[in-house]
Amino acid sequence: MEKVAPLKRSEELKPLSRDHHLGLQLCWKIRMGIDWKIAPERISKYVIFIYNIHLKPHFHQEEQYVFTLLEKNNEKTRIAIDDHNQIKKLVDLIYNNISEYVYLKQFEEHLRQHIRYEERVLFPYIELYSNKSKLIVSGQIIASLHDDIIDLDWMDEFWIKKN
């Protein structure tokens, strides 16, 4: 297997990249829960919780402070915003169909692909083509909104296999 070097990220976007890491952990937890046939209600409640306290504010920060660094109606940011909207719709489907795996699987796939897109395509593009002084200001705002210590305070760790 070929070793892939980690992507370099500007200081301004690092807090959002750390958020992406948490998003990928969420995807892993969903996969573990499904693989171990954990009741979908348990997984769904966690997804809804994480969406409300973590993903929703993250999407807002990206749309408000990062995507606006590019010209209006930029194709790359439009894709990301469409992804945000699709993820929100999937959370609504999970909420209304809490006992089903199907929407959890779709959510996990879509979130994972979305994060990969932002990390591999959109963020490098923004770092390259946005106004550097505006990126610095956005980075300061984003940094002020982030806390590196995230306490999710969730007791049901369904993703940890217990014998």
Protein backbone atom coordinates (compact mmCIF):
# COMPACT_ATOMS: atom_id res chain seq x y z
CA MET A 1 0.00 0.00 0.00
CA GLU A 2 1.36 3.40 -1.00
CA LYS A 3 1.90 5.82 1.85
CA VAL A 4 0.04 9.09 1.39
CA ALA A 5 1.63 12.23 2.80
CA PRO A 6 -0.64 14.33 5.01
CA LEU A 7 -2.03 17.46 3.40
CA LYS A 8 -0.50 20.75 4.47
CA ARG A 9 -3.11 23.21 5.65
CA SER A 10 -2.85 26.95 6.18
CA GLU A 11 -3.03 28.09 9.80
CA GLU A 12 -6.30 29.89 9.02
CA LEU A 13 -8.09 26.70 7.97
CA LYS A 14 -6.54 24.30 10.49
CA PRO A 15 -9.42 24.57 12.98
CA LEU A 16 -11.85 23.51 10.25
CA SER A 17 -9.56 20.66 9.22
CA ARG A 18 -9.54 19.46 12.84
CA ASP A 19 -13.34 19.57 12.68
CA HIS A 20 -13.11 17.41 9.57
CA HIS A 21 -11.11 14.87 11.52
CA LEU A 22 -13.95 14.73 14.07
CA GLY A 23 -16.38 14.28 11.18
CA LEU A 24 -14.38 11.33 9.89
CA GLN A 25 -14.42 9.87 13.41
CA LEU A 26 -18.21 10.19 13.35
CA CYS A 27 -18.28 8.27 10.06
CA TRP A 28 -16.13 5.54 11.60
CA LYS A 29 -18.42 5.34 14.64
CA ILE A 30 -21.48 4.99 12.41
CA ARG A 31 -19.78 2.20 10.42
CA MET A 32 -18.79 0.40 13.62
CA GLY A 33 -22.32 0.69 14.98
CA ILE A 34 -23.82 -0.69 11.80
CA ASP A 35 -21.22 -3.46 11.49
CA TRP A 36 -21.89 -4.55 15.08
CA LYS A 37 -25.65 -4.34 14.49
CA ILE A 38 -26.16 -1.73 17.20
CA ALA A 39 -29.78 -0.57 17.36
CA PRO A 40 -30.15 2.18 14.76
CA GLU A 41 -31.95 4.36 17.32
CA ARG A 42 -28.76 4.59 19.38
CA ILE A 43 -26.65 5.57 16.37
CA SER A 44 -29.30 7.98 15.08
CA LYS A 45 -29.54 9.85 18.37
CA TYR A 46 -25.78 10.33 18.36
CA VAL A 47 -25.75 11.55 14.75
CA ILE A 48 -28.48 14.09 15.48
CA PHE A 49 -26.62 15.26 18.60
CA ILE A 50 -23.31 15.68 16.74
CA TYR A 51 -25.01 17.42 13.84
CA ASN A 52 -26.60 19.98 16.15
CA ILE A 53 -23.60 20.73 18.36
CA HIS A 54 -20.76 20.26 15.86
CA LEU A 55 -21.62 19.94 12.16
CA LYS A 56 -24.25 22.66 11.90
CA PRO A 57 -21.99 25.35 13.44
CA HIS A 58 -19.06 24.05 11.35
CA PHE A 59 -21.07 24.39 8.13
CA HIS A 60 -22.11 27.89 9.12
CA GLN A 61 -18.50 28.93 9.74
CA GLU A 62 -17.40 27.58 6.38
CA GLU A 63 -20.23 29.27 4.51
CA GLN A 64 -19.89 32.56 6.38
CA TYR A 65 -16.12 32.98 6.65
CA VAL A 66 -14.43 30.73 4.10
CA PHE A 67 -16.60 30.20 1.03
CA THR A 68 -17.18 33.96 0.83
CA LEU A 69 -13.47 34.40 0.14
CA LEU A 70 -14.12 33.24 -3.42
CA GLU A 71 -16.27 34.93 -6.03
CA LYS A 72 -20.01 34.54 -5.65
CA ASN A 73 -21.45 31.43 -7.33
CA ASN A 74 -18.07 29.72 -7.49
CA GLU A 75 -18.61 26.14 -8.68
CA LYS A 76 -16.39 24.62 -5.98
CA THR A 77 -18.17 26.37 -3.12
CA ARG A 78 -21.56 25.63 -4.71
CA ILE A 79 -20.73 21.90 -4.54
CA ALA A 80 -19.82 22.23 -0.85
CA ILE A 81 -22.99 24.19 -0.03
CA ASP A 82 -25.09 21.62 -1.90
CA ASP A 83 -23.36 18.94 0.19
CA HIS A 84 -24.19 20.82 3.40
CA ASN A 85 -27.84 20.99 2.34
CA GLN A 86 -27.91 17.29 1.43
CA ILE A 87 -26.35 16.34 4.77
CA LYS A 88 -29.01 18.43 6.56
CA LYS A 89 -31.74 16.61 4.60
CA LEU A 90 -30.22 13.28 5.59
CA VAL A 91 -30.20 14.32 9.25
CA ASP A 92 -33.89 15.18 8.90
CA LEU A 93 -34.52 11.74 7.37
CA ILE A 94 -32.60 10.09 10.21
CA TYR A 95 -34.66 12.06 12.73
CA ASN A 96 -37.92 10.98 11.10
CA ASN A 97 -36.79 7.36 10.51
CA ILE A 98 -34.76 6.78 13.64
CA SER A 99 -35.12 2.99 13.48
CA GLU A 100 -33.56 2.53 10.03
CA TYR A 101 -29.98 1.96 8.93
CA VAL A 102 -30.51 3.13 5.35
CA TYR A 103 -30.26 6.87 6.08
CA LEU A 104 -27.38 6.37 8.50
CA LYS A 105 -25.44 4.63 5.72
CA GLN A 106 -26.25 7.42 3.26
CA PHE A 107 -25.31 10.08 5.80
CA GLU A 108 -21.98 8.38 6.58
CA GLU A 109 -21.07 8.03 2.90
CA HIS A 110 -22.08 11.57 2.03
CA LEU A 111 -20.30 13.15 4.99
CA ARG A 112 -17.11 11.18 4.33
CA GLN A 113 -17.09 12.15 0.62
CA HIS A 114 -17.87 15.77 1.48
CA ILE A 115 -14.97 16.01 3.95
CA ARG A 116 -12.58 14.47 1.42
CA TYR A 117 -13.78 16.98 -1.20
CA GLU A 118 -13.21 19.96 1.06
CA GLU A 119 -9.79 18.75 2.24
CA ARG A 120 -8.48 17.63 -1.16
CA VAL A 121 -10.14 20.08 -3.56
CA LEU A 122 -11.86 23.08 -2.01
CA PHE A 123 -9.50 24.11 0.80
CA PRO A 124 -6.35 23.92 -1.37
CA TYR A 125 -8.18 25.98 -3.99
CA ILE A 126 -9.20 28.60 -1.40
CA GLU A 127 -5.66 28.75 -0.02
CA LEU A 128 -4.32 29.31 -3.50
CA TYR A 129 -6.87 31.72 -4.99
CA SER A 130 -8.38 33.71 -2.13
CA ASN A 131 -7.21 37.12 -0.99
CA LYS A 132 -4.53 36.38 1.63
CA SER A 133 -5.38 39.28 3.93
CA LYS A 134 -9.07 38.30 3.90
CA LEU A 135 -8.10 34.68 4.58
CA ILE A 136 -6.10 35.85 7.62
CA VAL A 137 -9.08 37.82 8.97
CA SER A 138 -11.40 34.84 8.40
CA GLY A 139 -8.87 32.60 10.11
CA GLN A 140 -8.83 34.85 13.17
CA ILE A 141 -12.62 34.75 13.39
CA ILE A 142 -12.69 30.97 12.96
CA ALA A 143 -9.98 30.53 15.61
CA SER A 144 -11.98 32.65 18.05
CA LEU A 145 -15.01 30.38 17.52
CA HIS A 146 -13.11 27.14 18.13
CA ASP A 147 -12.09 25.35 21.25
CA ASP A 148 -9.52 22.60 20.75
CA ILE A 149 -10.91 20.72 23.73
CA ILE A 150 -14.16 19.22 22.61
CA ASP A 151 -16.22 17.53 25.27
CA LEU A 152 -19.11 15.85 23.53
CA ASP A 153 -20.55 14.53 26.80
CA TRP A 154 -22.13 11.44 25.23
CA MET A 155 -22.52 8.45 27.51
CA ASP A 156 -23.61 5.78 24.99
CA GLU A 157 -20.34 4.81 23.32
CA PHE A 158 -21.94 2.27 20.98
CA TRP A 159 -18.85 2.23 18.75
CA ILE A 160 -16.73 0.58 21.45
CA LYS A 161 -17.18 -3.16 21.29
CA LYS A 162 -17.88 -4.54 24.70
CA ASN A 163 -17.50 -8.27 25.29
